[in-house]
Amino acid sequence: MAKKLDDMIAALPAKRRAKIVRRAQELASLKDLRQAVEQTQEELATAFGVGQDSISRLEQRSDMLISTLRRYVESMGGTLELVAQFPNRPPVVIDHLGAVEAKGRGAKAKRTTHAQGVAA
């Protein structure tokens, strides 16, 4: 069973925790994020439920679904927050985009009835 990110970080010495926080603020890629929490591709793949090769390909992508990114982050024990920032306005946190609930609604909307053969 994979450890939660918070538990892993809490077990580290204060100096190491501070270094992780500073480094997390400088991250540029998914690989950087994974390495900052000191997980291998194999460990993340096990938590994510895929093969190591899938994690390698995912880390090289420049574009992906928000739901995929959310699962990647959650597999490391983290959470993903999407924030829209506009000039002269406070930031807006976008909830439920890419969440599992949205996936269920989309699947229902695409379902067809057998009798009519049209989208429900």
N, C-alpha and C. Protein backbone atom coordinates (compact mmCIF):
# COMPACT_ATOMS: atom_id res chain seq x y z
N MET A 1 0.85 -1.20 0.00
CA MET A 1 0.00 0.00 0.00
C MET A 1 0.88 1.24 0.00
N ALA A 2 0.57 2.20 -0.83
CA ALA A 2 1.36 3.42 -0.96
C ALA A 2 1.15 4.32 0.25
N LYS A 3 2.23 4.95 0.68
CA LYS A 3 2.13 5.89 1.78
C LYS A 3 1.56 7.21 1.26
N LYS A 4 0.89 7.93 2.12
CA LYS A 4 0.38 9.25 1.77
C LYS A 4 1.54 10.24 1.81
N LEU A 5 1.50 11.20 0.90
CA LEU A 5 2.56 12.20 0.81
C LEU A 5 2.75 12.94 2.14
N ASP A 6 1.65 13.34 2.78
CA ASP A 6 1.75 14.07 4.04
C ASP A 6 2.47 13.24 5.11
N ASP A 7 2.17 11.94 5.17
CA ASP A 7 2.81 11.07 6.15
C ASP A 7 4.30 10.96 5.88
N MET A 8 4.65 10.82 4.60
CA MET A 8 6.06 10.69 4.24
C MET A 8 6.83 11.97 4.59
N ILE A 9 6.25 13.09 4.28
CA ILE A 9 6.92 14.37 4.55
C ILE A 9 7.01 14.63 6.05
N ALA A 10 5.94 14.31 6.79
CA ALA A 10 5.93 14.53 8.24
C ALA A 10 7.02 13.72 8.94
N ALA A 11 7.38 12.57 8.38
CA ALA A 11 8.39 11.72 9.00
C ALA A 11 9.82 12.22 8.75
N LEU A 12 9.98 13.18 7.87
CA LEU A 12 11.31 13.70 7.55
C LEU A 12 11.76 14.75 8.55
N PRO A 13 13.07 14.93 8.68
CA PRO A 13 13.58 16.02 9.54
C PRO A 13 13.12 17.39 9.00
N ALA A 14 13.01 18.36 9.89
CA ALA A 14 12.50 19.69 9.53
C ALA A 14 13.29 20.32 8.38
N LYS A 15 14.60 20.16 8.39
CA LYS A 15 15.43 20.75 7.34
C LYS A 15 15.08 20.15 5.97
N ARG A 16 14.86 18.84 5.93
CA ARG A 16 14.50 18.16 4.67
C ARG A 16 13.11 18.59 4.21
N ARG A 17 12.17 18.72 5.16
CA ARG A 17 10.81 19.17 4.81
C ARG A 17 10.85 20.56 4.20
N ALA A 18 11.64 21.44 4.77
CA ALA A 18 11.75 22.81 4.25
C ALA A 18 12.33 22.80 2.83
N LYS A 19 13.31 21.92 2.59
CA LYS A 19 13.90 21.81 1.26
C LYS A 19 12.86 21.33 0.25
N ILE A 20 12.03 20.39 0.63
CA ILE A 20 10.98 19.88 -0.26
C ILE A 20 9.99 20.98 -0.60
N VAL A 21 9.60 21.76 0.40
CA VAL A 21 8.65 22.85 0.16
C VAL A 21 9.24 23.87 -0.81
N ARG A 22 10.50 24.24 -0.60
CA ARG A 22 11.15 25.19 -1.51
C ARG A 22 11.24 24.61 -2.92
N ARG A 23 11.61 23.35 -3.03
CA ARG A 23 11.76 22.72 -4.34
C ARG A 23 10.41 22.58 -5.05
N ALA A 24 9.37 22.28 -4.31
CA ALA A 24 8.03 22.13 -4.90
C ALA A 24 7.58 23.43 -5.55
N GLN A 25 8.03 24.56 -5.02
CA GLN A 25 7.66 25.84 -5.59
C GLN A 25 8.39 26.13 -6.89
N GLU A 26 9.43 25.38 -7.19
CA GLU A 26 10.23 25.59 -8.40
C GLU A 26 9.95 24.55 -9.49
N LEU A 27 9.05 23.63 -9.24
CA LEU A 27 8.86 22.51 -10.15
C LEU A 27 8.41 22.94 -11.53
N ALA A 28 8.92 22.23 -12.53
CA ALA A 28 8.59 22.55 -13.91
C ALA A 28 7.92 21.39 -14.64
N SER A 29 8.03 20.17 -14.13
CA SER A 29 7.49 19.02 -14.86
C SER A 29 6.94 17.97 -13.91
N LEU A 30 6.21 17.01 -14.47
CA LEU A 30 5.70 15.90 -13.66
C LEU A 30 6.85 15.07 -13.10
N LYS A 31 7.89 14.90 -13.88
CA LYS A 31 9.06 14.16 -13.40
C LYS A 31 9.67 14.87 -12.19
N ASP A 32 9.78 16.20 -12.26
CA ASP A 32 10.30 16.97 -11.13
C ASP A 32 9.43 16.76 -9.89
N LEU A 33 8.12 16.77 -10.08
CA LEU A 33 7.20 16.57 -8.97
C LEU A 33 7.40 15.19 -8.35
N ARG A 34 7.46 14.16 -9.19
CA ARG A 34 7.67 12.80 -8.69
C ARG A 34 8.99 12.67 -7.95
N GLN A 35 10.04 13.26 -8.50
CA GLN A 35 11.35 13.18 -7.86
C GLN A 35 11.39 13.96 -6.54
N ALA A 36 10.63 15.05 -6.45
CA ALA A 36 10.59 15.84 -5.23
C ALA A 36 10.00 15.05 -4.07
N VAL A 37 9.07 14.15 -4.36
CA VAL A 37 8.49 13.32 -3.30
C VAL A 37 9.22 11.98 -3.20
N GLU A 38 10.35 11.89 -3.92
CA GLU A 38 11.26 10.76 -3.86
C GLU A 38 10.56 9.44 -4.17
N GLN A 39 9.79 9.43 -5.26
CA GLN A 39 9.16 8.20 -5.75
C GLN A 39 9.77 7.83 -7.10
N THR A 40 9.92 6.54 -7.31
CA THR A 40 10.38 6.06 -8.62
C THR A 40 9.17 5.93 -9.54
N GLN A 41 9.45 5.80 -10.82
CA GLN A 41 8.36 5.56 -11.77
C GLN A 41 7.64 4.25 -11.43
N GLU A 42 8.38 3.26 -10.99
CA GLU A 42 7.78 1.97 -10.63
C GLU A 42 6.82 2.11 -9.45
N GLU A 43 7.24 2.85 -8.42
CA GLU A 43 6.38 3.05 -7.25
C GLU A 43 5.11 3.80 -7.62
N LEU A 44 5.26 4.84 -8.43
CA LEU A 44 4.10 5.61 -8.84
C LEU A 44 3.19 4.78 -9.73
N ALA A 45 3.77 3.98 -10.60
CA ALA A 45 2.97 3.12 -11.48
C ALA A 45 2.12 2.15 -10.68
N THR A 46 2.67 1.60 -9.61
CA THR A 46 1.91 0.69 -8.76
C THR A 46 0.73 1.42 -8.13
N ALA A 47 0.96 2.61 -7.60
CA ALA A 47 -0.12 3.39 -6.97
C ALA A 47 -1.15 3.85 -8.00
N PHE A 48 -0.70 4.15 -9.20
CA PHE A 48 -1.54 4.65 -10.29
C PHE A 48 -2.32 3.51 -10.96
N GLY A 49 -1.79 2.28 -10.79
CA GLY A 49 -2.44 1.12 -11.38
C GLY A 49 -2.11 0.89 -12.84
N VAL A 50 -0.89 1.30 -13.24
CA VAL A 50 -0.44 1.12 -14.62
C VAL A 50 0.99 0.59 -14.60
N GLY A 51 1.54 0.33 -15.77
CA GLY A 51 2.94 -0.10 -15.88
C GLY A 51 3.89 1.10 -15.83
N GLN A 52 5.13 0.82 -15.52
CA GLN A 52 6.15 1.88 -15.44
C GLN A 52 6.28 2.61 -16.76
N ASP A 53 6.14 1.90 -17.87
CA ASP A 53 6.25 2.52 -19.19
C ASP A 53 5.17 3.59 -19.39
N SER A 54 4.00 3.39 -18.81
CA SER A 54 2.92 4.38 -18.92
C SER A 54 3.28 5.67 -18.18
N ILE A 55 3.92 5.53 -17.03
CA ILE A 55 4.35 6.71 -16.27
C ILE A 55 5.42 7.46 -17.06
N SER A 56 6.35 6.73 -17.66
CA SER A 56 7.39 7.36 -18.47
C SER A 56 6.78 8.17 -19.61
N ARG A 57 5.83 7.57 -20.33
CA ARG A 57 5.18 8.29 -21.43
C ARG A 57 4.39 9.50 -20.92
N LEU A 58 3.70 9.32 -19.81
CA LEU A 58 2.91 10.41 -19.24
C LEU A 58 3.79 11.60 -18.88
N GLU A 59 4.95 11.33 -18.30
CA GLU A 59 5.86 12.40 -17.89
C GLU A 59 6.46 13.14 -19.08
N GLN A 60 6.43 12.54 -20.25
CA GLN A 60 6.98 13.19 -21.43
C GLN A 60 5.94 13.98 -22.22
N ARG A 61 4.67 13.82 -21.86
CA ARG A 61 3.60 14.50 -22.59
C ARG A 61 3.57 15.98 -22.24
N SER A 62 3.18 16.79 -23.21
CA SER A 62 3.03 18.22 -22.97
C SER A 62 1.56 18.59 -22.78
N ASP A 63 0.66 17.62 -23.02
CA ASP A 63 -0.76 17.88 -22.92
C ASP A 63 -1.45 16.61 -22.43
N MET A 64 -2.43 16.76 -21.53
CA MET A 64 -3.17 15.61 -21.03
C MET A 64 -4.48 16.05 -20.44
N LEU A 65 -5.36 15.12 -20.19
CA LEU A 65 -6.63 15.41 -19.55
C LEU A 65 -6.39 15.82 -18.10
N ILE A 66 -7.21 16.71 -17.61
CA ILE A 66 -7.10 17.13 -16.22
C ILE A 66 -7.35 15.94 -15.30
N SER A 67 -8.26 15.05 -15.68
CA SER A 67 -8.53 13.88 -14.85
C SER A 67 -7.30 12.98 -14.74
N THR A 68 -6.51 12.89 -15.80
CA THR A 68 -5.28 12.10 -15.77
C THR A 68 -4.26 12.75 -14.85
N LEU A 69 -4.11 14.05 -14.97
CA LEU A 69 -3.19 14.78 -14.10
C LEU A 69 -3.62 14.65 -12.64
N ARG A 70 -4.93 14.73 -12.39
CA ARG A 70 -5.45 14.59 -11.03
C ARG A 70 -5.08 13.21 -10.47
N ARG A 71 -5.28 12.14 -11.27
CA ARG A 71 -4.94 10.78 -10.82
C ARG A 71 -3.43 10.65 -10.56
N TYR A 72 -2.62 11.26 -11.40
CA TYR A 72 -1.16 11.22 -11.23
C TYR A 72 -0.78 11.82 -9.88
N VAL A 73 -1.31 13.00 -9.60
CA VAL A 73 -1.00 13.70 -8.34
C VAL A 73 -1.55 12.92 -7.14
N GLU A 74 -2.77 12.44 -7.25
CA GLU A 74 -3.38 11.69 -6.15
C GLU A 74 -2.66 10.38 -5.89
N SER A 75 -2.07 9.78 -6.92
CA SER A 75 -1.31 8.55 -6.74
C SER A 75 -0.07 8.77 -5.89
N MET A 76 0.39 10.02 -5.82
CA MET A 76 1.52 10.36 -4.96
C MET A 76 1.05 10.83 -3.59
N GLY A 77 -0.27 10.83 -3.36
CA GLY A 77 -0.80 11.25 -2.07
C GLY A 77 -1.16 12.73 -2.02
N GLY A 78 -1.07 13.42 -3.15
CA GLY A 78 -1.37 14.85 -3.17
C GLY A 78 -2.77 15.14 -3.68
N THR A 79 -3.08 16.40 -3.79
CA THR A 79 -4.34 16.84 -4.39
C THR A 79 -4.02 17.87 -5.46
N LEU A 80 -4.88 17.94 -6.47
CA LEU A 80 -4.69 18.89 -7.56
C LEU A 80 -5.73 19.99 -7.43
N GLU A 81 -5.29 21.23 -7.47
CA GLU A 81 -6.20 22.37 -7.46
C GLU A 81 -5.97 23.17 -8.73
N LEU A 82 -7.06 23.51 -9.40
CA LEU A 82 -6.99 24.32 -10.61
C LEU A 82 -7.49 25.71 -10.25
N VAL A 83 -6.66 26.72 -10.47
CA VAL A 83 -6.99 28.09 -10.08
C VAL A 83 -6.91 28.99 -11.31
N ALA A 84 -8.00 29.72 -11.56
CA ALA A 84 -8.01 30.72 -12.64
C ALA A 84 -7.68 32.07 -12.04
N GLN A 85 -6.74 32.77 -12.65
CA GLN A 85 -6.35 34.09 -12.15
C GLN A 85 -6.62 35.13 -13.23
N PHE A 86 -7.27 36.22 -12.82
CA PHE A 86 -7.62 37.30 -13.72
C PHE A 86 -7.08 38.61 -13.16
N PRO A 87 -6.76 39.55 -14.04
CA PRO A 87 -6.30 40.86 -13.56
C PRO A 87 -7.40 41.53 -12.73
N ASN A 88 -7.01 42.15 -11.65
CA ASN A 88 -7.90 42.93 -10.79
C ASN A 88 -9.04 42.12 -10.18
N ARG A 89 -8.87 40.83 -10.04
CA ARG A 89 -9.89 39.97 -9.41
C ARG A 89 -9.19 38.94 -8.54
N PRO A 90 -9.87 38.48 -7.51
CA PRO A 90 -9.27 37.42 -6.70
C PRO A 90 -9.23 36.11 -7.49
N PRO A 91 -8.30 35.21 -7.16
CA PRO A 91 -8.23 33.92 -7.85
C PRO A 91 -9.52 33.12 -7.65
N VAL A 92 -9.86 32.31 -8.64
CA VAL A 92 -11.05 31.47 -8.59
C VAL A 92 -10.60 30.01 -8.66
N VAL A 93 -10.95 29.22 -7.63
CA VAL A 93 -10.65 27.80 -7.63
C VAL A 93 -11.74 27.10 -8.42
N ILE A 94 -11.33 26.32 -9.42
CA ILE A 94 -12.28 25.60 -10.26
C ILE A 94 -12.43 24.20 -9.68
N ASP A 95 -13.63 23.91 -9.16
CA ASP A 95 -13.91 22.62 -8.55
C ASP A 95 -14.58 21.68 -9.54
N HIS A 96 -14.42 20.41 -9.33
CA HIS A 96 -15.13 19.34 -10.03
C HIS A 96 -14.73 19.17 -11.50
N LEU A 97 -13.80 19.92 -12.00
CA LEU A 97 -13.36 19.73 -13.38
C LEU A 97 -12.36 18.58 -13.40
N GLY A 98 -12.67 17.57 -14.17
CA GLY A 98 -11.79 16.41 -14.23
C GLY A 98 -11.99 15.45 -13.08
N ALA A 99 -13.00 15.69 -12.24
CA ALA A 99 -13.27 14.81 -11.11
C ALA A 99 -14.03 13.58 -11.58
N VAL A 100 -14.04 12.56 -10.78
CA VAL A 100 -14.70 11.31 -11.13
C VAL A 100 -16.19 11.53 -11.36
N GLU A 101 -16.84 12.38 -10.58
CA GLU A 101 -18.28 12.63 -10.75
C GLU A 101 -18.59 13.13 -12.16
N ALA A 102 -17.76 14.00 -12.69
CA ALA A 102 -18.00 14.55 -14.02
C ALA A 102 -17.93 13.46 -15.07
N LYS A 103 -17.06 12.49 -14.85
CA LYS A 103 -16.92 11.38 -15.79
C LYS A 103 -18.22 10.59 -15.85
N GLY A 104 -18.83 10.37 -14.70
CA GLY A 104 -20.09 9.64 -14.65
C GLY A 104 -21.20 10.36 -15.38
N ARG A 105 -21.30 11.67 -15.23
CA ARG A 105 -22.33 12.45 -15.92
C ARG A 105 -22.14 12.39 -17.43
N GLY A 106 -20.89 12.48 -17.88
CA GLY A 106 -20.62 12.43 -19.32
C GLY A 106 -21.01 11.08 -19.91
N ALA A 107 -20.73 10.02 -19.19
CA ALA A 107 -21.07 8.69 -19.69
C ALA A 107 -22.58 8.54 -19.80
N LYS A 108 -23.31 9.08 -18.85
CA LYS A 108 -24.77 8.99 -18.88
C LYS A 108 -25.34 9.78 -20.05
N ALA A 109 -24.77 10.93 -20.32
CA ALA A 109 -25.28 11.79 -21.39
C ALA A 109 -25.08 11.14 -22.75
N LYS A 110 -24.07 10.30 -22.90
CA LYS A 110 -23.78 9.68 -24.19
C LYS A 110 -24.53 8.36 -24.40
N ARG A 111 -25.18 7.87 -23.38
CA ARG A 111 -25.87 6.59 -23.47
C ARG A 111 -27.02 6.66 -24.47
N THR A 112 -27.22 5.62 -25.22
CA THR A 112 -28.33 5.61 -26.19
C THR A 112 -29.39 4.63 -25.74
N THR A 113 -30.63 4.89 -26.14
CA THR A 113 -31.71 3.95 -25.84
C THR A 113 -31.79 2.95 -26.96
N HIS A 114 -32.11 1.72 -26.65
CA HIS A 114 -32.18 0.67 -27.65
C HIS A 114 -33.36 0.89 -28.59
N ALA A 115 -34.49 1.35 -28.05
CA ALA A 115 -35.70 1.50 -28.87
C ALA A 115 -35.57 2.63 -29.89
N GLN A 116 -34.96 3.76 -29.44
CA GLN A 116 -34.93 4.92 -30.33
C GLN A 116 -33.59 5.07 -31.07
N GLY A 117 -32.51 4.53 -30.46
CA GLY A 117 -31.20 4.65 -31.09
C GLY A 117 -30.66 6.06 -31.10
N VAL A 118 -31.12 6.92 -30.18
CA VAL A 118 -30.66 8.29 -30.10
C VAL A 118 -30.05 8.52 -28.73
N ALA A 119 -29.23 9.56 -28.63
CA ALA A 119 -28.60 9.89 -27.36
C ALA A 119 -29.63 10.26 -26.33
N ALA A 120 -29.45 9.75 -25.11
CA ALA A 120 -30.39 10.04 -24.03
C ALA A 120 -30.10 11.38 -23.42
